Amino acid sequence: MIEELLPGSIAVVEAYGRDALGDGVLLYPEEEAVVARAVEKRQREFRAARGCARQAMEKLGVPPGPILPGERGAPRWPDGLIGSMTHCEGYCAAALVHAGELVSVGIDAEPHDRLPEGVLEAVALPTEQTRLRALARSHPSVHWDRLLFSAKESVYKAWFPLTGKWLDFQQADIEIDPAPEPGAPGRFRARLLVPGPVVDNHRIEIFDGRWTVGRGFAATAIAVPRPQSGERS
């Protein structure tokens, strides 16, 4: 799912069903200490995500090592790598790339179902809610509220490594385009409503992403390219 949403330079490893439970994934002692007192569900998610991440590291020719949570829980990747992880019930994925290839990566997967009551109003701008209603009328097979939530998560995961700052759900205005044909990935654009990160003396104001729905999941992904000279993102 997520692999089809990202450039080929990114190593993506996904796991479904029992493979997404983390069984058989051995943690480093430092990682074990992080989740030693966590509930079993959290431990499983932690192991599964790191299992996917280590396989992605191997794809890139990087020796596997411990992946510890840093500030606000964001993973601390080995020097020279950037990436993102996601997990939900029945699915887990990691996406990694050499730092010179891209600026940042954000991925997210959610169960493809309606959001719980009241969540949409808490995370979506009025303009976004209006657009979602139009999408629901024209493409009723997609749970657009859940897809928007996933896109917001991907935006945050791409944003935080560049800024080290919190980004509220309502500080990015996301417009989702329907897929061009059934089964094909769709696109979305996130316009930051606060000053964006500055990379190579260029301020990034927009994150472009892709989305897909399948196998009971909604998935979104963002790959932030390095700004070209004279370009304003």
Protein backbone atom coordinates (compact mmCIF):
# COMPACT_ATOMS: atom_id res chain seq x y z
CA MET A 1 0.00 0.00 0.00
CA ILE A 2 2.38 2.70 1.19
CA GLU A 3 5.14 1.49 -1.10
CA GLU A 4 3.09 2.51 -4.15
CA LEU A 5 2.71 6.03 -2.74
CA LEU A 6 6.42 6.88 -2.44
CA PRO A 7 9.39 7.35 -4.80
CA GLY A 8 11.47 4.30 -5.61
CA SER A 9 14.48 5.67 -3.72
CA ILE A 10 12.62 5.05 -0.45
CA ALA A 11 12.89 1.59 1.09
CA VAL A 12 9.45 0.56 2.33
CA VAL A 13 8.65 -2.57 4.34
CA GLU A 14 5.06 -3.44 5.24
CA ALA A 15 3.50 -6.17 7.38
CA TYR A 16 -0.09 -7.36 7.57
CA GLY A 17 -2.14 -9.50 9.91
CA ARG A 18 -0.11 -11.68 12.27
CA ASP A 19 3.10 -10.35 10.75
CA ALA A 20 2.11 -6.94 12.10
CA LEU A 21 2.05 -8.23 15.69
CA GLY A 22 5.81 -8.10 16.12
CA ASP A 23 6.14 -11.79 17.02
CA GLY A 24 9.72 -12.92 16.57
CA VAL A 25 11.17 -9.40 16.43
CA LEU A 26 14.06 -9.15 18.88
CA LEU A 27 14.65 -5.78 20.47
CA TYR A 28 17.96 -4.30 21.52
CA PRO A 29 18.34 -3.84 25.29
CA GLU A 30 17.90 -0.08 24.92
CA GLU A 31 14.63 -0.64 23.08
CA GLU A 32 13.43 -3.21 25.60
CA ALA A 33 13.92 -0.62 28.34
CA VAL A 34 11.63 1.83 26.53
CA VAL A 35 8.61 -0.50 26.53
CA ALA A 36 9.37 -2.65 29.58
CA ARG A 37 6.38 -1.27 31.47
CA ALA A 38 4.10 -0.68 28.50
CA VAL A 39 0.90 -2.65 27.90
CA GLU A 40 1.15 -5.64 25.56
CA LYS A 41 -0.49 -3.81 22.64
CA ARG A 42 2.10 -1.03 22.80
CA GLN A 43 4.93 -3.57 23.03
CA ARG A 44 3.65 -5.42 19.95
CA GLU A 45 3.35 -2.21 17.93
CA PHE A 46 6.81 -1.12 19.01
CA ARG A 47 8.38 -4.44 18.01
CA ALA A 48 6.53 -4.68 14.71
CA ALA A 49 7.48 -1.17 13.63
CA ARG A 50 11.13 -1.78 14.44
CA GLY A 51 11.06 -5.09 12.63
CA CYS A 52 9.88 -3.30 9.48
CA ALA A 53 12.39 -0.49 9.99
CA ARG A 54 15.34 -2.85 10.34
CA GLN A 55 14.38 -4.63 7.12
CA ALA A 56 14.19 -1.24 5.40
CA MET A 57 17.66 -0.39 6.74
CA GLU A 58 18.97 -3.64 5.28
CA LYS A 59 17.46 -2.71 1.89
CA LEU A 60 19.48 0.50 2.00
CA GLY A 61 22.66 -1.32 2.99
CA VAL A 62 22.68 0.14 6.50
CA PRO A 63 23.53 -2.17 9.41
CA PRO A 64 20.49 -2.55 11.68
CA GLY A 65 20.62 -0.97 15.08
CA PRO A 66 18.41 0.29 17.90
CA ILE A 67 15.71 2.83 17.00
CA LEU A 68 14.84 4.80 20.09
CA PRO A 69 12.07 7.36 20.46
CA GLY A 70 13.24 10.94 20.72
CA GLU A 71 11.38 14.16 21.38
CA ARG A 72 7.58 13.70 21.30
CA GLY A 73 8.16 10.03 20.47
CA ALA A 74 9.58 10.65 17.00
CA PRO A 75 12.07 7.89 16.04
CA ARG A 76 15.76 8.77 16.19
CA TRP A 77 17.20 7.32 12.99
CA PRO A 78 20.87 6.46 12.46
CA ASP A 79 22.97 9.28 11.01
CA GLY A 80 22.40 9.65 7.28
CA LEU A 81 18.86 8.28 7.28
CA ILE A 82 15.43 9.86 7.40
CA GLY A 83 12.17 8.00 7.64
CA SER A 84 8.80 7.36 9.18
CA MET A 85 6.85 4.50 10.74
CA THR A 86 3.18 3.73 11.22
CA HIS A 87 1.10 1.00 12.79
CA CYS A 88 -2.55 0.26 13.37
CA GLU A 89 -4.48 -2.92 14.08
CA GLY A 90 -3.43 -5.45 11.42
CA TYR A 91 -0.90 -3.29 9.60
CA CYS A 92 2.59 -1.90 10.11
CA ALA A 93 5.07 -0.13 7.85
CA ALA A 94 8.38 1.72 7.82
CA ALA A 95 9.80 3.97 5.08
CA LEU A 96 13.47 4.94 5.05
CA VAL A 97 15.72 6.82 2.64
CA HIS A 98 19.24 8.22 2.58
CA ALA A 99 19.18 11.80 3.82
CA GLY A 100 20.67 13.19 0.62
CA GLU A 101 17.73 11.92 -1.42
CA LEU A 102 14.91 13.81 0.30
CA VAL A 103 14.26 16.33 3.06
CA SER A 104 11.62 14.44 5.05
CA VAL A 105 9.15 11.55 4.90
CA GLY A 106 5.82 11.04 6.63
CA ILE A 107 3.58 7.97 6.43
CA ASP A 108 0.38 6.93 8.16
CA ALA A 109 -2.17 4.11 7.98
CA GLU A 110 -5.59 3.88 9.62
CA PRO A 111 -8.50 1.43 9.58
CA HIS A 112 -10.71 2.40 6.65
CA ASP A 113 -13.79 3.25 8.67
CA ARG A 114 -15.61 6.35 9.87
CA LEU A 115 -13.92 8.42 12.54
CA PRO A 116 -15.43 8.22 16.02
CA GLU A 117 -18.12 10.78 16.78
CA GLY A 118 -16.74 14.27 17.33
CA VAL A 119 -13.21 13.62 16.07
CA LEU A 120 -13.68 15.22 12.65
CA GLU A 121 -14.89 18.47 14.17
CA ALA A 122 -11.81 18.50 16.42
CA VAL A 123 -9.25 17.98 13.66
CA ALA A 124 -10.75 19.52 10.50
CA LEU A 125 -11.10 23.12 9.44
CA PRO A 126 -14.55 24.28 8.26
CA THR A 127 -13.21 24.50 4.70
CA GLU A 128 -11.96 20.92 4.91
CA GLN A 129 -15.31 19.70 6.23
CA THR A 130 -17.07 21.37 3.32
CA ARG A 131 -14.78 19.67 0.81
CA LEU A 132 -15.22 16.30 2.54
CA ARG A 133 -19.00 16.54 2.21
CA ALA A 134 -18.63 17.13 -1.52
CA LEU A 135 -16.25 14.17 -1.85
CA ALA A 136 -18.65 11.94 0.10
CA ARG A 137 -21.44 12.78 -2.33
CA SER A 138 -19.36 12.10 -5.43
CA HIS A 139 -17.31 9.15 -4.11
CA PRO A 140 -19.27 7.52 -1.27
CA SER A 141 -17.13 4.36 -1.11
CA VAL A 142 -14.27 6.21 0.63
CA HIS A 143 -14.32 7.26 4.28
CA TRP A 144 -12.97 10.74 3.58
CA ASP A 145 -12.99 11.78 7.23
CA ARG A 146 -10.58 8.96 8.11
CA LEU A 147 -8.45 9.71 5.07
CA LEU A 148 -8.17 13.36 6.11
CA PHE A 149 -7.14 12.29 9.61
CA SER A 150 -4.43 10.05 8.13
CA ALA A 151 -3.19 12.85 5.88
CA LYS A 152 -2.94 15.16 8.92
CA GLU A 153 -0.83 12.53 10.67
CA SER A 154 1.49 12.21 7.66
CA VAL A 155 1.85 15.99 7.51
CA TYR A 156 2.88 16.10 11.16
CA LYS A 157 5.38 13.27 10.73
CA ALA A 158 6.98 15.09 7.78
CA TRP A 159 6.89 18.43 9.60
CA PHE A 160 8.31 17.55 13.01
CA PRO A 161 11.81 16.36 12.01
CA LEU A 162 12.29 19.66 10.14
CA THR A 163 11.11 21.94 12.93
CA GLY A 164 11.12 20.11 16.25
CA LYS A 165 7.81 21.87 16.92
CA TRP A 166 4.24 20.75 17.50
CA LEU A 167 1.81 21.22 14.60
CA ASP A 168 -1.87 21.31 15.50
CA PHE A 169 -4.38 19.46 13.35
CA GLN A 170 -5.91 22.76 12.30
CA GLN A 171 -2.63 24.40 11.32
CA ALA A 172 -2.61 22.73 7.91
CA ASP A 173 -5.38 23.00 5.33
CA ILE A 174 -5.56 19.77 3.33
CA GLU A 175 -7.30 19.39 0.00
CA ILE A 176 -7.77 15.80 -1.18
CA ASP A 177 -8.20 14.91 -4.84
CA PRO A 178 -10.13 11.75 -5.69
CA ALA A 179 -8.22 8.92 -7.34
CA PRO A 180 -8.14 9.21 -11.14
CA GLU A 181 -9.54 5.68 -11.45
CA PRO A 182 -10.62 2.90 -9.08
CA GLY A 183 -7.63 1.31 -7.35
CA ALA A 184 -5.20 4.04 -8.36
CA PRO A 185 -3.52 6.28 -5.77
CA GLY A 186 -4.98 9.72 -5.22
CA ARG A 187 -3.23 12.94 -4.27
CA PHE A 188 -3.57 15.56 -1.58
CA ARG A 189 -2.01 18.93 -0.86
CA ALA A 190 -1.39 20.35 2.61
CA ARG A 191 -1.02 24.13 2.86
CA LEU A 192 0.70 25.09 6.09
CA LEU A 193 -1.10 27.85 8.00
CA VAL A 194 1.95 28.65 10.11
CA PRO A 195 5.46 29.53 8.90
CA GLY A 196 6.86 26.41 7.29
CA PRO A 197 10.31 24.91 7.83
CA VAL A 198 13.27 26.52 6.12
CA VAL A 199 15.48 24.14 4.14
CA ASP A 200 18.50 25.35 2.18
CA ASN A 201 17.28 28.94 2.65
CA HIS A 202 13.88 28.08 1.16
CA ARG A 203 10.70 28.12 3.20
CA ILE A 204 8.48 25.10 2.56
CA GLU A 205 4.82 26.14 2.67
CA ILE A 206 3.16 23.14 1.00
CA PHE A 207 3.45 19.39 1.45
CA ASP A 208 2.24 17.25 -1.44
CA GLY A 209 1.18 13.69 -0.69
CA ARG A 210 -0.54 10.63 -2.06
CA TRP A 211 -3.20 8.32 -0.64
CA THR A 212 -4.72 4.93 -1.22
CA VAL A 213 -7.46 2.72 0.24
CA GLY A 214 -7.41 -1.06 0.24
CA ARG A 215 -7.36 -4.25 2.30
CA GLY A 216 -9.42 -2.48 4.95
CA PHE A 217 -6.95 0.40 5.45
CA ALA A 218 -6.54 4.03 4.45
CA ALA A 219 -2.93 5.08 3.92
CA THR A 220 -1.21 8.37 3.19
CA ALA A 221 2.39 9.31 2.49
CA ILE A 222 4.46 12.45 1.96
CA ALA A 223 7.96 12.67 0.49
CA VAL A 224 9.40 16.17 0.80
CA PRO A 225 11.97 16.86 -1.94
CA ARG A 226 14.90 19.15 -1.45
CA PRO A 227 14.03 22.61 -2.82
CA GLN A 228 15.71 23.50 -6.10
CA SER A 229 17.61 26.75 -6.47
CA GLY A 230 15.18 29.61 -7.04
CA GLU A 231 12.19 27.47 -6.11
CA ARG A 232 9.57 28.47 -3.55
CA SER A 233 7.67 25.45 -2.19
